[in-house]
Amino acid sequence: MNRTADPGGGRCPGARAAPGLSPAAALFHSLSDETRLRILQTLARGEARVVDLTARLGLPQSTVSKHLACLRGCGLVGYRAEGRQSFYSLTRPELMGLLASAEELLAATGHTVTLCPEPVS
């Protein structure tokens, strides 16, 4: 299966959030968007086209395409072309283990994790 990253495409926000941002912080920053998480969870079930994702997620095509570009830029999602269609899939299945661990952590803390009210310098 050909899984192509998009080196010239969209970049995840972590890649440009701040110079010197650690790779771990950039990864978690790229996963901080609900839409991107929903796309990843959908792709965990198998490859999909943009039209499939828009139907399953109830989102506009432009929104799905923008977030796919980000995920491609991060190397988390790739695609294979078949005729005029592109089929998107996860490039790193380990990502689903990370997300499952996060769900376990949230359950263990009673889902009390909230955004920090004040930025830490």
N, C-alpha and C. Protein backbone atom coordinates (compact mmCIF):
# COMPACT_ATOMS: atom_id res chain seq x y z
N MET A 1 0.85 -1.18 0.00
CA MET A 1 0.00 0.00 0.00
C MET A 1 0.89 1.23 0.00
N ASN A 2 0.62 2.15 -0.88
CA ASN A 2 1.39 3.38 -0.98
C ASN A 2 0.79 4.42 -0.05
N ARG A 3 1.56 4.83 0.95
CA ARG A 3 1.10 5.87 1.87
C ARG A 3 2.04 7.05 1.72
N THR A 4 1.52 8.10 1.18
CA THR A 4 2.34 9.24 0.83
C THR A 4 2.12 10.38 1.82
N ALA A 5 3.20 10.85 2.40
CA ALA A 5 3.12 12.07 3.21
C ALA A 5 3.10 13.24 2.24
N ASP A 6 2.68 14.38 2.70
CA ASP A 6 2.60 15.55 1.84
C ASP A 6 3.60 16.59 2.34
N PRO A 7 4.88 16.47 1.91
CA PRO A 7 5.90 17.36 2.44
C PRO A 7 5.66 18.83 2.12
N GLY A 8 4.98 19.14 1.05
CA GLY A 8 4.74 20.53 0.71
C GLY A 8 3.37 21.00 1.13
N GLY A 9 2.60 20.14 1.77
CA GLY A 9 1.21 20.45 2.11
C GLY A 9 1.08 21.16 3.44
N GLY A 10 -0.10 21.05 4.01
CA GLY A 10 -0.41 21.72 5.27
C GLY A 10 0.48 21.23 6.39
N ARG A 11 0.78 22.10 7.29
CA ARG A 11 1.60 21.74 8.44
C ARG A 11 0.71 21.76 9.66
N CYS A 12 1.00 20.86 10.58
CA CYS A 12 0.27 20.85 11.84
C CYS A 12 0.65 22.09 12.64
N PRO A 13 -0.25 22.57 13.48
CA PRO A 13 0.05 23.78 14.23
C PRO A 13 1.29 23.64 15.09
N GLY A 14 1.57 22.46 15.59
CA GLY A 14 2.75 22.26 16.42
C GLY A 14 4.03 22.54 15.69
N ALA A 15 4.02 22.33 14.37
CA ALA A 15 5.23 22.53 13.58
C ALA A 15 5.59 24.00 13.49
N ARG A 16 4.63 24.89 13.67
CA ARG A 16 4.93 26.32 13.58
C ARG A 16 4.54 27.08 14.84
N ALA A 17 4.16 26.36 15.88
CA ALA A 17 3.66 27.02 17.10
C ALA A 17 4.74 27.88 17.76
N ALA A 18 5.94 27.34 17.87
CA ALA A 18 7.02 28.09 18.50
C ALA A 18 8.35 27.47 18.12
N PRO A 19 9.31 28.31 17.83
CA PRO A 19 10.64 27.77 17.55
C PRO A 19 11.14 27.00 18.78
N GLY A 20 11.78 25.88 18.54
CA GLY A 20 12.33 25.11 19.65
C GLY A 20 11.32 24.24 20.38
N LEU A 21 10.10 24.17 19.89
CA LEU A 21 9.08 23.33 20.51
C LEU A 21 9.53 21.88 20.43
N SER A 22 9.46 21.17 21.54
CA SER A 22 9.90 19.78 21.53
C SER A 22 9.00 18.94 20.63
N PRO A 23 9.52 17.85 20.09
CA PRO A 23 8.69 16.99 19.25
C PRO A 23 7.45 16.48 19.97
N ALA A 24 7.56 16.15 21.26
CA ALA A 24 6.40 15.67 22.01
C ALA A 24 5.35 16.77 22.14
N ALA A 25 5.79 17.99 22.43
CA ALA A 25 4.83 19.09 22.54
C ALA A 25 4.17 19.37 21.20
N ALA A 26 4.94 19.28 20.10
CA ALA A 26 4.37 19.50 18.77
C ALA A 26 3.34 18.42 18.44
N LEU A 27 3.65 17.16 18.81
CA LEU A 27 2.69 16.07 18.57
C LEU A 27 1.38 16.32 19.30
N PHE A 28 1.47 16.63 20.59
CA PHE A 28 0.25 16.85 21.36
C PHE A 28 -0.49 18.10 20.90
N HIS A 29 0.25 19.10 20.45
CA HIS A 29 -0.40 20.29 19.92
C HIS A 29 -1.19 19.94 18.66
N SER A 30 -0.62 19.08 17.82
CA SER A 30 -1.31 18.69 16.59
C SER A 30 -2.55 17.85 16.88
N LEU A 31 -2.59 17.19 18.03
CA LEU A 31 -3.74 16.38 18.42
C LEU A 31 -4.75 17.15 19.27
N SER A 32 -4.52 18.45 19.44
CA SER A 32 -5.37 19.23 20.35
C SER A 32 -6.66 19.72 19.71
N ASP A 33 -6.91 19.36 18.48
CA ASP A 33 -8.12 19.80 17.81
C ASP A 33 -9.14 18.66 17.73
N GLU A 34 -10.36 18.91 18.16
CA GLU A 34 -11.43 17.90 18.18
C GLU A 34 -11.68 17.31 16.79
N THR A 35 -11.67 18.14 15.76
CA THR A 35 -11.92 17.65 14.40
C THR A 35 -10.82 16.69 13.97
N ARG A 36 -9.56 17.03 14.25
CA ARG A 36 -8.48 16.13 13.87
C ARG A 36 -8.58 14.80 14.62
N LEU A 37 -8.96 14.85 15.88
CA LEU A 37 -9.14 13.60 16.64
C LEU A 37 -10.27 12.76 16.03
N ARG A 38 -11.35 13.39 15.64
CA ARG A 38 -12.46 12.65 15.03
C ARG A 38 -12.05 12.03 13.70
N ILE A 39 -11.26 12.75 12.92
CA ILE A 39 -10.77 12.21 11.65
C ILE A 39 -9.88 10.99 11.92
N LEU A 40 -8.98 11.10 12.89
CA LEU A 40 -8.09 9.99 13.20
C LEU A 40 -8.88 8.77 13.68
N GLN A 41 -9.88 9.00 14.52
CA GLN A 41 -10.69 7.89 15.00
C GLN A 41 -11.44 7.22 13.86
N THR A 42 -11.89 8.00 12.91
CA THR A 42 -12.58 7.44 11.74
C THR A 42 -11.61 6.64 10.89
N LEU A 43 -10.42 7.19 10.66
CA LEU A 43 -9.43 6.49 9.85
C LEU A 43 -8.89 5.23 10.54
N ALA A 44 -9.01 5.16 11.85
CA ALA A 44 -8.58 3.96 12.56
C ALA A 44 -9.42 2.76 12.15
N ARG A 45 -10.62 3.01 11.64
CA ARG A 45 -11.50 1.93 11.18
C ARG A 45 -11.19 1.50 9.75
N GLY A 46 -10.35 2.26 9.06
CA GLY A 46 -9.98 1.94 7.69
C GLY A 46 -9.86 3.19 6.85
N GLU A 47 -9.29 3.02 5.69
CA GLU A 47 -9.08 4.18 4.82
C GLU A 47 -10.40 4.77 4.36
N ALA A 48 -10.34 6.06 4.02
CA ALA A 48 -11.55 6.78 3.60
C ALA A 48 -11.17 7.92 2.68
N ARG A 49 -12.12 8.28 1.83
CA ARG A 49 -11.97 9.44 0.96
C ARG A 49 -12.51 10.66 1.70
N VAL A 50 -12.20 11.84 1.20
CA VAL A 50 -12.71 13.08 1.81
C VAL A 50 -14.24 13.04 1.86
N VAL A 51 -14.87 12.60 0.77
CA VAL A 51 -16.33 12.55 0.72
C VAL A 51 -16.88 11.62 1.80
N ASP A 52 -16.18 10.52 2.08
CA ASP A 52 -16.60 9.60 3.14
C ASP A 52 -16.50 10.26 4.50
N LEU A 53 -15.40 10.97 4.72
CA LEU A 53 -15.19 11.65 6.00
C LEU A 53 -16.21 12.75 6.22
N THR A 54 -16.51 13.53 5.18
CA THR A 54 -17.50 14.59 5.35
C THR A 54 -18.87 14.01 5.71
N ALA A 55 -19.23 12.89 5.09
CA ALA A 55 -20.52 12.26 5.38
C ALA A 55 -20.55 11.69 6.80
N ARG A 56 -19.49 11.02 7.20
CA ARG A 56 -19.45 10.39 8.52
C ARG A 56 -19.37 11.40 9.65
N LEU A 57 -18.66 12.50 9.41
CA LEU A 57 -18.43 13.48 10.47
C LEU A 57 -19.39 14.66 10.41
N GLY A 58 -20.13 14.78 9.31
CA GLY A 58 -21.06 15.90 9.18
C GLY A 58 -20.35 17.25 9.10
N LEU A 59 -19.22 17.28 8.43
CA LEU A 59 -18.43 18.51 8.33
C LEU A 59 -18.30 18.92 6.88
N PRO A 60 -18.06 20.21 6.64
CA PRO A 60 -17.84 20.67 5.26
C PRO A 60 -16.55 20.09 4.68
N GLN A 61 -16.53 19.93 3.37
CA GLN A 61 -15.37 19.38 2.68
C GLN A 61 -14.13 20.22 2.95
N SER A 62 -14.28 21.54 2.96
CA SER A 62 -13.11 22.40 3.17
C SER A 62 -12.50 22.19 4.55
N THR A 63 -13.33 21.95 5.55
CA THR A 63 -12.84 21.71 6.91
C THR A 63 -12.07 20.40 6.97
N VAL A 64 -12.66 19.35 6.41
CA VAL A 64 -12.00 18.04 6.41
C VAL A 64 -10.68 18.12 5.65
N SER A 65 -10.68 18.75 4.49
CA SER A 65 -9.46 18.85 3.68
C SER A 65 -8.36 19.62 4.42
N LYS A 66 -8.73 20.68 5.10
CA LYS A 66 -7.76 21.48 5.85
C LYS A 66 -7.12 20.64 6.96
N HIS A 67 -7.93 19.90 7.68
CA HIS A 67 -7.38 19.09 8.78
C HIS A 67 -6.60 17.89 8.26
N LEU A 68 -7.00 17.32 7.14
CA LEU A 68 -6.22 16.25 6.53
C LEU A 68 -4.85 16.76 6.09
N ALA A 69 -4.80 17.97 5.55
CA ALA A 69 -3.53 18.57 5.15
C ALA A 69 -2.61 18.71 6.36
N CYS A 70 -3.17 19.12 7.47
CA CYS A 70 -2.40 19.24 8.71
C CYS A 70 -1.86 17.88 9.13
N LEU A 71 -2.73 16.88 9.17
CA LEU A 71 -2.33 15.55 9.60
C LEU A 71 -1.32 14.91 8.63
N ARG A 72 -1.44 15.22 7.34
CA ARG A 72 -0.45 14.76 6.37
C ARG A 72 0.89 15.44 6.63
N GLY A 73 0.83 16.74 6.90
CA GLY A 73 2.06 17.49 7.16
C GLY A 73 2.79 16.98 8.39
N CYS A 74 2.05 16.44 9.33
CA CYS A 74 2.65 15.87 10.55
C CYS A 74 3.15 14.45 10.32
N GLY A 75 2.78 13.86 9.20
CA GLY A 75 3.17 12.48 8.94
C GLY A 75 2.29 11.45 9.62
N LEU A 76 1.15 11.88 10.16
CA LEU A 76 0.25 10.94 10.85
C LEU A 76 -0.74 10.29 9.90
N VAL A 77 -1.00 10.95 8.77
CA VAL A 77 -1.94 10.45 7.77
C VAL A 77 -1.26 10.48 6.42
N GLY A 78 -1.51 9.47 5.62
CA GLY A 78 -1.03 9.42 4.26
C GLY A 78 -2.19 9.11 3.33
N TYR A 79 -1.90 9.02 2.06
CA TYR A 79 -2.97 8.71 1.11
C TYR A 79 -2.42 7.91 -0.04
N ARG A 80 -3.32 7.25 -0.73
CA ARG A 80 -2.96 6.57 -1.97
C ARG A 80 -3.97 7.02 -3.01
N ALA A 81 -3.46 7.29 -4.19
CA ALA A 81 -4.31 7.73 -5.28
C ALA A 81 -4.80 6.51 -6.06
N GLU A 82 -6.07 6.56 -6.41
CA GLU A 82 -6.67 5.54 -7.27
C GLU A 82 -7.53 6.28 -8.27
N GLY A 83 -7.01 6.41 -9.47
CA GLY A 83 -7.70 7.23 -10.46
C GLY A 83 -7.70 8.67 -9.98
N ARG A 84 -8.88 9.27 -9.94
CA ARG A 84 -9.01 10.66 -9.49
C ARG A 84 -9.33 10.77 -8.01
N GLN A 85 -9.35 9.65 -7.31
CA GLN A 85 -9.70 9.66 -5.90
C GLN A 85 -8.47 9.43 -5.03
N SER A 86 -8.52 9.98 -3.84
CA SER A 86 -7.46 9.76 -2.85
C SER A 86 -8.08 9.07 -1.65
N PHE A 87 -7.42 8.01 -1.20
CA PHE A 87 -7.87 7.26 -0.04
C PHE A 87 -6.89 7.52 1.09
N TYR A 88 -7.40 8.08 2.19
CA TYR A 88 -6.58 8.47 3.33
C TYR A 88 -6.55 7.36 4.37
N SER A 89 -5.41 7.23 5.04
CA SER A 89 -5.26 6.23 6.09
C SER A 89 -4.20 6.69 7.09
N LEU A 90 -4.19 6.04 8.24
CA LEU A 90 -3.18 6.32 9.25
C LEU A 90 -1.83 5.79 8.77
N THR A 91 -0.79 6.55 9.00
CA THR A 91 0.56 6.07 8.69
C THR A 91 1.18 5.43 9.92
N ARG A 92 0.68 5.77 11.08
CA ARG A 92 1.24 5.28 12.34
C ARG A 92 0.12 4.69 13.18
N PRO A 93 -0.14 3.39 13.08
CA PRO A 93 -1.19 2.77 13.88
C PRO A 93 -0.95 2.90 15.39
N GLU A 94 0.32 3.12 15.78
CA GLU A 94 0.63 3.32 17.20
C GLU A 94 -0.12 4.50 17.79
N LEU A 95 -0.51 5.42 16.94
CA LEU A 95 -1.24 6.60 17.39
C LEU A 95 -2.52 6.21 18.13
N MET A 96 -3.18 5.14 17.69
CA MET A 96 -4.42 4.73 18.33
C MET A 96 -4.15 4.21 19.74
N GLY A 97 -2.98 3.60 19.96
CA GLY A 97 -2.60 3.19 21.31
C GLY A 97 -2.40 4.39 22.21
N LEU A 98 -1.80 5.45 21.67
CA LEU A 98 -1.62 6.69 22.43
C LEU A 98 -2.96 7.28 22.82
N LEU A 99 -3.89 7.32 21.86
CA LEU A 99 -5.21 7.89 22.15
C LEU A 99 -5.98 7.01 23.13
N ALA A 100 -5.83 5.70 23.04
CA ALA A 100 -6.48 4.79 24.00
C ALA A 100 -5.92 5.03 25.40
N SER A 101 -4.61 5.23 25.50
CA SER A 101 -4.00 5.53 26.80
C SER A 101 -4.52 6.84 27.36
N ALA A 102 -4.71 7.82 26.50
CA ALA A 102 -5.25 9.11 26.94
C ALA A 102 -6.67 8.93 27.48
N GLU A 103 -7.48 8.10 26.81
CA GLU A 103 -8.84 7.83 27.30
C GLU A 103 -8.81 7.16 28.66
N GLU A 104 -7.87 6.23 28.86
CA GLU A 104 -7.73 5.57 30.16
C GLU A 104 -7.35 6.58 31.24
N LEU A 105 -6.43 7.49 30.91
CA LEU A 105 -6.02 8.52 31.86
C LEU A 105 -7.19 9.42 32.21
N LEU A 106 -7.97 9.81 31.21
CA LEU A 106 -9.14 10.65 31.47
C LEU A 106 -10.14 9.93 32.37
N ALA A 107 -10.37 8.66 32.11
CA ALA A 107 -11.30 7.88 32.94
C ALA A 107 -10.77 7.77 34.37
N ALA A 108 -9.46 7.57 34.52
CA ALA A 108 -8.86 7.43 35.85
C ALA A 108 -8.95 8.72 36.66
N THR A 109 -8.95 9.86 35.98
CA THR A 109 -9.03 11.15 36.68
C THR A 109 -10.46 11.67 36.76
N GLY A 110 -11.40 10.85 36.32
CA GLY A 110 -12.80 11.30 36.35
C GLY A 110 -13.07 12.39 35.34
N HIS A 111 -12.30 12.42 34.26
CA HIS A 111 -12.44 13.44 33.22
C HIS A 111 -12.36 14.86 33.78
N THR A 112 -11.52 15.04 34.81
CA THR A 112 -11.39 16.36 35.44
C THR A 112 -10.34 17.24 34.78
N VAL A 113 -9.69 16.72 33.75
CA VAL A 113 -8.67 17.52 33.07
C VAL A 113 -9.36 18.70 32.39
N THR A 114 -8.84 19.88 32.63
CA THR A 114 -9.36 21.09 31.99
C THR A 114 -8.19 21.90 31.47
N LEU A 115 -8.49 22.86 30.65
CA LEU A 115 -7.43 23.75 30.16
C LEU A 115 -6.88 24.57 31.32
N CYS A 116 -5.60 24.81 31.29
CA CYS A 116 -4.99 25.66 32.31
C CYS A 116 -5.57 27.06 32.18
N PRO A 117 -6.06 27.65 33.27
CA PRO A 117 -6.65 28.99 33.18
C PRO A 117 -5.64 30.08 32.86
N GLU A 118 -4.41 29.88 33.25
CA GLU A 118 -3.37 30.87 33.01
C GLU A 118 -2.22 30.20 32.26
N PRO A 119 -1.72 30.83 31.19
CA PRO A 119 -0.56 30.25 30.53
C PRO A 119 0.64 30.26 31.45
N VAL A 120 1.40 29.20 31.40
CA VAL A 120 2.60 29.09 32.21
C VAL A 120 3.79 29.52 31.37
N SER A 121 4.63 30.37 31.92
CA SER A 121 5.81 30.84 31.19
C SER A 121 6.99 29.98 31.48
